[in-house]
Amino acid sequence: MSSRVLLFIIGLLVWSLLVWPPDMQHMAIGILAAFLVSSITGDLFVKRPRIFMHFKRYLWFLYYIPVFIWECIKANIDVAYRVGHPDVPIRPGIVKVKTNLKSDTGLTFLANSITLTPGTMSVDIDRDSGYIYIHWIYVKDEDIEAATKTIVANFEHILMRIFE
């Protein structure tokens, strides 16, 4: 199955879930949107479409969602504490963390997950060495392994099972 067909099917399924219960007008728009997206970006978005045929990856993704939400809640509380504290305890800086993810989609997912978590923002990815540079609102550890354990470890082992 080509990556364009697979992207069309996934796009149409997501659209159907978003407009549930679907009617003819919404489905026509969904078919058109899924067709446009898959025809324009199908060869760019998915380089290995066969990985989407593994059911375990979907189960790992369903596991990833509450883990990500929990990490966001913890980070929101931490940032709210720092903003509301009279001394504003921040120690901003850019740290380097190591990742074992190799696929473009996995790296993108990890970088976006880090950026969407309050208090951290992915700045750059060095694909050759496997490092991600992250702006951190309160640098707890400048050591690469310690920063990796704090920022990346909760996401990476799950994303590895989804995208690698």
N, C-alpha and C. Protein backbone atom coordinates (compact mmCIF):
# COMPACT_ATOMS: atom_id res chain seq x y z
N MET A 1 0.86 -1.17 0.00
CA MET A 1 0.00 0.00 0.00
C MET A 1 0.90 1.23 0.00
N SER A 2 0.59 2.15 -0.86
CA SER A 2 1.43 3.34 -0.95
C SER A 2 1.17 4.28 0.22
N SER A 3 2.12 5.17 0.45
CA SER A 3 1.99 6.09 1.58
C SER A 3 0.85 7.08 1.36
N ARG A 4 0.56 7.41 0.10
CA ARG A 4 -0.55 8.34 -0.17
C ARG A 4 -1.90 7.71 0.18
N VAL A 5 -2.07 6.45 -0.19
CA VAL A 5 -3.33 5.76 0.10
C VAL A 5 -3.50 5.62 1.61
N LEU A 6 -2.42 5.24 2.28
CA LEU A 6 -2.49 5.07 3.73
C LEU A 6 -2.79 6.40 4.41
N LEU A 7 -2.15 7.47 3.98
CA LEU A 7 -2.40 8.79 4.55
C LEU A 7 -3.84 9.23 4.29
N PHE A 8 -4.38 8.92 3.10
CA PHE A 8 -5.77 9.24 2.80
C PHE A 8 -6.71 8.51 3.76
N ILE A 9 -6.46 7.22 3.97
CA ILE A 9 -7.33 6.43 4.86
C ILE A 9 -7.26 6.95 6.28
N ILE A 10 -6.05 7.21 6.78
CA ILE A 10 -5.90 7.72 8.15
C ILE A 10 -6.55 9.10 8.28
N GLY A 11 -6.34 9.97 7.29
CA GLY A 11 -6.95 11.29 7.33
C GLY A 11 -8.47 11.23 7.34
N LEU A 12 -9.02 10.35 6.51
CA LEU A 12 -10.47 10.21 6.45
C LEU A 12 -11.03 9.62 7.76
N LEU A 13 -10.31 8.67 8.36
CA LEU A 13 -10.75 8.11 9.65
C LEU A 13 -10.74 9.18 10.75
N VAL A 14 -9.69 9.97 10.80
CA VAL A 14 -9.61 11.03 11.81
C VAL A 14 -10.73 12.04 11.57
N TRP A 15 -10.94 12.40 10.33
CA TRP A 15 -12.02 13.35 10.00
C TRP A 15 -13.38 12.79 10.44
N SER A 16 -13.61 11.52 10.16
CA SER A 16 -14.88 10.90 10.53
C SER A 16 -15.09 10.92 12.04
N LEU A 17 -14.01 10.69 12.79
CA LEU A 17 -14.13 10.73 14.25
C LEU A 17 -14.39 12.14 14.76
N LEU A 18 -13.82 13.13 14.08
CA LEU A 18 -14.00 14.51 14.52
C LEU A 18 -15.41 15.03 14.25
N VAL A 19 -16.07 14.55 13.19
CA VAL A 19 -17.41 15.05 12.85
C VAL A 19 -18.49 14.01 13.15
N TRP A 20 -18.21 13.09 14.06
CA TRP A 20 -19.15 12.01 14.35
C TRP A 20 -20.45 12.55 14.89
N PRO A 21 -21.61 12.11 14.51
CA PRO A 21 -21.86 11.15 13.42
C PRO A 21 -21.77 11.86 12.06
N PRO A 22 -21.07 11.24 11.14
CA PRO A 22 -20.85 11.89 9.85
C PRO A 22 -22.12 11.92 9.00
N ASP A 23 -22.31 13.00 8.27
CA ASP A 23 -23.38 13.07 7.28
C ASP A 23 -22.72 13.22 5.91
N MET A 24 -23.51 13.27 4.87
CA MET A 24 -22.98 13.29 3.51
C MET A 24 -22.14 14.54 3.23
N GLN A 25 -22.59 15.68 3.70
CA GLN A 25 -21.86 16.92 3.45
C GLN A 25 -20.49 16.89 4.13
N HIS A 26 -20.45 16.47 5.40
CA HIS A 26 -19.18 16.41 6.12
C HIS A 26 -18.26 15.35 5.51
N MET A 27 -18.81 14.24 5.07
CA MET A 27 -17.97 13.20 4.48
C MET A 27 -17.40 13.66 3.14
N ALA A 28 -18.17 14.41 2.38
CA ALA A 28 -17.65 14.92 1.10
C ALA A 28 -16.49 15.88 1.33
N ILE A 29 -16.63 16.74 2.33
CA ILE A 29 -15.54 17.65 2.67
C ILE A 29 -14.34 16.87 3.18
N GLY A 30 -14.59 15.85 4.00
CA GLY A 30 -13.52 15.02 4.53
C GLY A 30 -12.77 14.27 3.44
N ILE A 31 -13.50 13.74 2.48
CA ILE A 31 -12.86 13.04 1.35
C ILE A 31 -12.00 14.01 0.55
N LEU A 32 -12.52 15.19 0.30
CA LEU A 32 -11.76 16.19 -0.44
C LEU A 32 -10.51 16.61 0.33
N ALA A 33 -10.66 16.89 1.61
CA ALA A 33 -9.50 17.32 2.42
C ALA A 33 -8.46 16.21 2.53
N ALA A 34 -8.91 14.97 2.77
CA ALA A 34 -7.97 13.85 2.87
C ALA A 34 -7.26 13.61 1.55
N PHE A 35 -7.99 13.77 0.43
CA PHE A 35 -7.37 13.60 -0.88
C PHE A 35 -6.31 14.67 -1.14
N LEU A 36 -6.65 15.93 -0.84
CA LEU A 36 -5.69 17.01 -1.05
C LEU A 36 -4.43 16.82 -0.21
N VAL A 37 -4.61 16.52 1.07
CA VAL A 37 -3.46 16.35 1.96
C VAL A 37 -2.61 15.16 1.53
N SER A 38 -3.26 14.05 1.21
CA SER A 38 -2.49 12.86 0.84
C SER A 38 -1.80 13.02 -0.51
N SER A 39 -2.41 13.72 -1.43
CA SER A 39 -1.76 13.89 -2.73
C SER A 39 -0.61 14.89 -2.67
N ILE A 40 -0.70 15.88 -1.80
CA ILE A 40 0.36 16.88 -1.70
C ILE A 40 1.51 16.40 -0.83
N THR A 41 1.21 15.77 0.30
CA THR A 41 2.26 15.42 1.26
C THR A 41 2.46 13.93 1.46
N GLY A 42 1.82 13.10 0.68
CA GLY A 42 1.89 11.65 0.89
C GLY A 42 3.29 11.08 0.86
N ASP A 43 4.13 11.53 -0.05
CA ASP A 43 5.48 10.98 -0.12
C ASP A 43 6.43 11.64 0.87
N LEU A 44 6.05 12.76 1.45
CA LEU A 44 6.89 13.44 2.42
C LEU A 44 6.61 12.98 3.84
N PHE A 45 5.37 12.63 4.11
CA PHE A 45 4.92 12.40 5.47
C PHE A 45 5.31 11.02 6.00
N VAL A 46 5.15 10.01 5.21
CA VAL A 46 5.39 8.64 5.66
C VAL A 46 6.39 7.98 4.72
N LYS A 47 7.56 7.67 5.26
CA LYS A 47 8.57 7.02 4.43
C LYS A 47 8.45 5.51 4.48
N ARG A 48 7.90 4.98 5.58
CA ARG A 48 7.74 3.54 5.74
C ARG A 48 6.28 3.24 6.11
N PRO A 49 5.38 3.20 5.12
CA PRO A 49 3.97 3.03 5.45
C PRO A 49 3.63 1.68 6.07
N ARG A 50 4.49 0.68 5.87
CA ARG A 50 4.19 -0.66 6.40
C ARG A 50 4.19 -0.69 7.94
N ILE A 51 4.85 0.30 8.59
CA ILE A 51 4.87 0.28 10.05
C ILE A 51 3.48 0.55 10.63
N PHE A 52 2.59 1.14 9.84
CA PHE A 52 1.24 1.41 10.33
C PHE A 52 0.37 0.16 10.33
N MET A 53 0.87 -0.94 9.81
CA MET A 53 0.11 -2.18 9.79
C MET A 53 0.26 -2.98 11.09
N HIS A 54 1.13 -2.54 11.97
CA HIS A 54 1.36 -3.24 13.23
C HIS A 54 0.40 -2.69 14.29
N PHE A 55 -0.50 -3.54 14.76
CA PHE A 55 -1.53 -3.12 15.70
C PHE A 55 -0.95 -2.67 17.03
N LYS A 56 0.18 -3.26 17.45
CA LYS A 56 0.79 -2.89 18.72
C LYS A 56 1.18 -1.42 18.78
N ARG A 57 1.53 -0.86 17.63
CA ARG A 57 1.91 0.56 17.59
C ARG A 57 0.73 1.45 18.00
N TYR A 58 -0.46 1.07 17.61
CA TYR A 58 -1.65 1.85 17.98
C TYR A 58 -1.92 1.75 19.48
N LEU A 59 -1.70 0.56 20.03
CA LEU A 59 -1.88 0.39 21.48
C LEU A 59 -0.86 1.21 22.25
N TRP A 60 0.37 1.26 21.77
CA TRP A 60 1.39 2.09 22.41
C TRP A 60 1.03 3.57 22.28
N PHE A 61 0.45 3.96 21.16
CA PHE A 61 0.03 5.35 21.00
C PHE A 61 -1.08 5.70 21.99
N LEU A 62 -2.02 4.77 22.18
CA LEU A 62 -3.09 5.00 23.16
C LEU A 62 -2.51 5.10 24.57
N TYR A 63 -1.44 4.38 24.84
CA TYR A 63 -0.75 4.48 26.13
C TYR A 63 -0.02 5.82 26.24
N TYR A 64 0.51 6.30 25.12
CA TYR A 64 1.29 7.55 25.11
C TYR A 64 0.43 8.77 25.46
N ILE A 65 -0.81 8.77 25.04
CA ILE A 65 -1.68 9.93 25.25
C ILE A 65 -1.82 10.28 26.73
N PRO A 66 -2.20 9.35 27.63
CA PRO A 66 -2.30 9.74 29.05
C PRO A 66 -0.94 10.08 29.67
N VAL A 67 0.13 9.43 29.21
CA VAL A 67 1.46 9.77 29.72
C VAL A 67 1.79 11.22 29.36
N PHE A 68 1.53 11.60 28.12
CA PHE A 68 1.78 12.96 27.68
C PHE A 68 0.91 13.96 28.45
N ILE A 69 -0.35 13.64 28.63
CA ILE A 69 -1.25 14.54 29.38
C ILE A 69 -0.77 14.70 30.82
N TRP A 70 -0.34 13.61 31.45
CA TRP A 70 0.15 13.67 32.82
C TRP A 70 1.41 14.55 32.91
N GLU A 71 2.33 14.39 31.97
CA GLU A 71 3.54 15.21 31.96
C GLU A 71 3.19 16.69 31.75
N CYS A 72 2.20 16.96 30.92
CA CYS A 72 1.76 18.35 30.71
C CYS A 72 1.14 18.94 31.97
N ILE A 73 0.36 18.15 32.68
CA ILE A 73 -0.25 18.63 33.93
C ILE A 73 0.83 18.96 34.94
N LYS A 74 1.80 18.06 35.11
CA LYS A 74 2.90 18.32 36.05
C LYS A 74 3.68 19.57 35.66
N ALA A 75 3.95 19.72 34.37
CA ALA A 75 4.71 20.88 33.90
C ALA A 75 3.90 22.17 34.07
N ASN A 76 2.60 22.12 33.84
CA ASN A 76 1.75 23.30 34.05
C ASN A 76 1.78 23.75 35.50
N ILE A 77 1.70 22.80 36.41
CA ILE A 77 1.74 23.13 37.84
C ILE A 77 3.10 23.75 38.19
N ASP A 78 4.17 23.17 37.65
CA ASP A 78 5.51 23.68 37.92
C ASP A 78 5.68 25.10 37.40
N VAL A 79 5.24 25.36 36.17
CA VAL A 79 5.37 26.70 35.60
C VAL A 79 4.48 27.69 36.35
N ALA A 80 3.27 27.28 36.72
CA ALA A 80 2.38 28.16 37.48
C ALA A 80 3.01 28.52 38.83
N TYR A 81 3.66 27.55 39.47
CA TYR A 81 4.35 27.82 40.73
C TYR A 81 5.45 28.85 40.53
N ARG A 82 6.24 28.68 39.47
CA ARG A 82 7.36 29.60 39.22
C ARG A 82 6.86 31.01 38.89
N VAL A 83 5.78 31.11 38.15
CA VAL A 83 5.23 32.43 37.79
C VAL A 83 4.61 33.10 39.01
N GLY A 84 3.92 32.33 39.84
CA GLY A 84 3.23 32.91 40.99
C GLY A 84 4.10 33.13 42.21
N HIS A 85 5.27 32.53 42.24
CA HIS A 85 6.17 32.67 43.38
C HIS A 85 6.73 34.10 43.42
N PRO A 86 6.80 34.72 44.61
CA PRO A 86 7.28 36.10 44.69
C PRO A 86 8.72 36.28 44.20
N ASP A 87 9.56 35.27 44.36
CA ASP A 87 10.95 35.39 43.92
C ASP A 87 11.16 34.97 42.46
N VAL A 88 10.14 34.47 41.81
CA VAL A 88 10.19 33.97 40.43
C VAL A 88 11.43 33.07 40.25
N PRO A 89 11.37 31.86 40.81
CA PRO A 89 12.54 30.97 40.76
C PRO A 89 12.74 30.34 39.38
N ILE A 90 13.37 31.09 38.49
CA ILE A 90 13.69 30.53 37.19
C ILE A 90 15.20 30.55 36.99
N ARG A 91 15.66 29.62 36.22
CA ARG A 91 17.07 29.51 35.87
C ARG A 91 17.12 29.02 34.43
N PRO A 92 16.77 29.90 33.48
CA PRO A 92 16.63 29.46 32.10
C PRO A 92 17.99 29.13 31.47
N GLY A 93 17.92 28.23 30.51
CA GLY A 93 19.12 27.87 29.77
C GLY A 93 18.81 26.83 28.71
N ILE A 94 19.78 26.58 27.87
CA ILE A 94 19.63 25.57 26.83
C ILE A 94 20.47 24.37 27.23
N VAL A 95 19.82 23.21 27.25
CA VAL A 95 20.51 21.96 27.59
C VAL A 95 20.51 21.03 26.38
N LYS A 96 21.47 20.13 26.39
CA LYS A 96 21.59 19.14 25.32
C LYS A 96 21.17 17.80 25.89
N VAL A 97 20.23 17.13 25.20
CA VAL A 97 19.78 15.81 25.62
C VAL A 97 20.02 14.82 24.49
N LYS A 98 20.18 13.57 24.85
CA LYS A 98 20.46 12.52 23.87
C LYS A 98 19.19 11.73 23.60
N THR A 99 18.98 11.40 22.33
CA THR A 99 17.86 10.55 21.96
C THR A 99 18.35 9.41 21.09
N ASN A 100 17.67 8.29 21.20
CA ASN A 100 17.98 7.13 20.37
C ASN A 100 17.03 6.99 19.19
N LEU A 101 16.07 7.90 19.08
CA LEU A 101 15.13 7.87 17.97
C LEU A 101 15.86 8.24 16.68
N LYS A 102 15.54 7.54 15.60
CA LYS A 102 16.20 7.80 14.32
C LYS A 102 15.24 8.29 13.24
N SER A 103 13.99 7.87 13.31
CA SER A 103 13.05 8.22 12.24
C SER A 103 12.65 9.68 12.34
N ASP A 104 12.38 10.28 11.19
CA ASP A 104 11.95 11.68 11.16
C ASP A 104 10.67 11.88 11.96
N THR A 105 9.73 10.96 11.81
CA THR A 105 8.45 11.10 12.50
C THR A 105 8.64 10.97 14.01
N GLY A 106 9.46 10.02 14.44
CA GLY A 106 9.72 9.84 15.86
C GLY A 106 10.40 11.06 16.48
N LEU A 107 11.40 11.59 15.77
CA LEU A 107 12.10 12.79 16.26
C LEU A 107 11.16 14.00 16.31
N THR A 108 10.33 14.13 15.29
CA THR A 108 9.37 15.24 15.26
C THR A 108 8.38 15.12 16.41
N PHE A 109 7.89 13.91 16.63
CA PHE A 109 6.94 13.69 17.72
C PHE A 109 7.58 14.01 19.06
N LEU A 110 8.83 13.57 19.27
CA LEU A 110 9.52 13.84 20.52
C LEU A 110 9.74 15.35 20.70
N ALA A 111 10.24 16.01 19.67
CA ALA A 111 10.50 17.45 19.76
C ALA A 111 9.20 18.22 20.02
N ASN A 112 8.12 17.84 19.36
CA ASN A 112 6.85 18.52 19.59
C ASN A 112 6.28 18.23 20.97
N SER A 113 6.47 17.01 21.45
CA SER A 113 6.00 16.67 22.80
C SER A 113 6.74 17.49 23.84
N ILE A 114 8.04 17.68 23.63
CA ILE A 114 8.83 18.49 24.55
C ILE A 114 8.37 19.95 24.49
N THR A 115 8.16 20.45 23.28
CA THR A 115 7.74 21.84 23.12
C THR A 115 6.35 22.09 23.68
N LEU A 116 5.45 21.14 23.55
CA LEU A 116 4.09 21.30 24.05
C LEU A 116 4.01 21.18 25.57
N THR A 117 5.06 20.66 26.19
CA THR A 117 5.10 20.57 27.64
C THR A 117 5.60 21.91 28.18
N PRO A 118 4.81 22.61 28.98
CA PRO A 118 5.21 23.94 29.45
C PRO A 118 6.55 23.91 30.19
N GLY A 119 7.34 24.94 29.95
CA GLY A 119 8.64 25.06 30.60
C GLY A 119 9.80 24.56 29.76
N THR A 120 9.50 23.88 28.67
CA THR A 120 10.55 23.38 27.77
C THR A 120 10.17 23.70 26.34
N MET A 121 11.21 23.86 25.52
CA MET A 121 10.97 24.11 24.10
C MET A 121 12.15 23.56 23.30
N SER A 122 11.85 22.72 22.32
CA SER A 122 12.90 22.19 21.46
C SER A 122 13.41 23.29 20.56
N VAL A 123 14.73 23.44 20.51
CA VAL A 123 15.34 24.51 19.74
C VAL A 123 15.97 23.97 18.47
N ASP A 124 16.67 22.83 18.58
CA ASP A 124 17.40 22.29 17.44
C ASP A 124 17.58 20.79 17.62
N ILE A 125 17.67 20.09 16.49
CA ILE A 125 17.94 18.66 16.49
C ILE A 125 19.19 18.42 15.66
N ASP A 126 20.14 17.72 16.24
CA ASP A 126 21.34 17.31 15.52
C ASP A 126 21.18 15.82 15.19
N ARG A 127 20.71 15.54 13.99
CA ARG A 127 20.40 14.16 13.60
C ARG A 127 21.64 13.27 13.60
N ASP A 128 22.80 13.81 13.24
CA ASP A 128 24.00 13.00 13.14
C ASP A 128 24.43 12.44 14.50
N SER A 129 24.37 13.26 15.52
CA SER A 129 24.82 12.82 16.84
C SER A 129 23.67 12.35 17.73
N GLY A 130 22.43 12.64 17.35
CA GLY A 130 21.28 12.22 18.15
C GLY A 130 20.99 13.14 19.32
N TYR A 131 21.40 14.39 19.23
CA TYR A 131 21.16 15.34 20.32
C TYR A 131 20.02 16.29 19.95
N ILE A 132 19.26 16.66 20.98
CA ILE A 132 18.23 17.69 20.84
C ILE A 132 18.60 18.80 21.82
N TYR A 133 18.57 20.03 21.35
CA TYR A 133 18.85 21.18 22.20
C TYR A 133 17.52 21.75 22.67
N ILE A 134 17.39 21.92 23.97
CA ILE A 134 16.11 22.30 24.56
C ILE A 134 16.30 23.51 25.46
N HIS A 135 15.42 24.51 25.27
CA HIS A 135 15.38 25.64 26.20
C HIS A 135 14.51 25.22 27.37
N TRP A 136 15.06 25.35 28.58
CA TRP A 136 14.41 24.86 29.79
C TRP A 136 14.24 26.04 30.74
N ILE A 137 13.05 26.22 31.29
CA ILE A 137 12.78 27.37 32.15
C ILE A 137 13.56 27.31 33.47
N TYR A 138 13.82 26.10 33.95
CA TYR A 138 14.60 25.94 35.17
C TYR A 138 15.56 24.77 34.97
N VAL A 139 16.79 25.08 34.64
CA VAL A 139 17.78 24.04 34.37
C VAL A 139 18.17 23.39 35.69
N LYS A 140 17.73 22.15 35.86
CA LYS A 140 18.03 21.39 37.07
C LYS A 140 19.37 20.68 36.94
N ASP A 141 19.66 20.20 35.73
CA ASP A 141 20.89 19.46 35.47
C ASP A 141 21.48 19.90 34.15
N GLU A 142 22.75 20.21 34.14
CA GLU A 142 23.44 20.53 32.90
C GLU A 142 24.06 19.29 32.28
N ASP A 143 24.17 18.22 33.07
CA ASP A 143 24.71 16.96 32.59
C ASP A 143 23.77 16.35 31.56
N ILE A 144 24.31 15.86 30.46
CA ILE A 144 23.49 15.34 29.36
C ILE A 144 22.61 14.18 29.82
N GLU A 145 23.20 13.21 30.54
CA GLU A 145 22.41 12.04 30.96
C GLU A 145 21.31 12.42 31.94
N ALA A 146 21.61 13.30 32.88
CA ALA A 146 20.60 13.70 33.86
C ALA A 146 19.48 14.50 33.21
N ALA A 147 19.83 15.42 32.31
CA ALA A 147 18.81 16.20 31.61
C ALA A 147 17.98 15.30 30.70
N THR A 148 18.62 14.33 30.07
CA THR A 148 17.89 13.37 29.23
C THR A 148 16.89 12.59 30.05
N LYS A 149 17.32 12.13 31.21
CA LYS A 149 16.42 11.36 32.08
C LYS A 149 15.23 12.20 32.53
N THR A 150 15.48 13.47 32.84
CA THR A 150 14.41 14.35 33.32
C THR A 150 13.43 14.74 32.22
N ILE A 151 13.95 15.09 31.04
CA ILE A 151 13.09 15.66 30.00
C ILE A 151 12.60 14.62 29.00
N VAL A 152 13.47 13.74 28.54
CA VAL A 152 13.17 12.89 27.40
C VAL A 152 12.69 11.49 27.77
N ALA A 153 13.18 10.94 28.88
CA ALA A 153 12.99 9.52 29.17
C ALA A 153 11.52 9.08 29.22
N ASN A 154 10.64 9.93 29.74
CA ASN A 154 9.23 9.53 29.85
C ASN A 154 8.56 9.37 28.49
N PHE A 155 9.05 10.10 27.50
CA PHE A 155 8.45 10.03 26.17
C PHE A 155 9.15 9.03 25.26
N GLU A 156 10.48 9.00 25.33
CA GLU A 156 11.26 8.30 24.31
C GLU A 156 10.99 6.80 24.25
N HIS A 157 10.91 6.13 25.38
CA HIS A 157 10.74 4.68 25.33
C HIS A 157 9.40 4.28 24.70
N ILE A 158 8.39 5.13 24.86
CA ILE A 158 7.10 4.84 24.22
C ILE A 158 7.16 5.16 22.73
N LEU A 159 7.72 6.32 22.38
CA LEU A 159 7.83 6.71 20.98
C LEU A 159 8.70 5.74 20.19
N MET A 160 9.67 5.13 20.86
CA MET A 160 10.51 4.13 20.22
C MET A 160 9.67 2.94 19.75
N ARG A 161 8.71 2.54 20.55
CA ARG A 161 7.85 1.41 20.20
C ARG A 161 6.80 1.78 19.15
N ILE A 162 6.50 3.06 19.03
CA ILE A 162 5.52 3.49 18.03
C ILE A 162 6.18 3.70 16.69
N PHE A 163 7.30 4.40 16.63
CA PHE A 163 7.84 4.87 15.36
C PHE A 163 9.11 4.17 14.87
N GLU A 164 9.75 3.38 15.70
CA GLU A 164 11.00 2.74 15.24
C GLU A 164 10.79 1.30 14.86
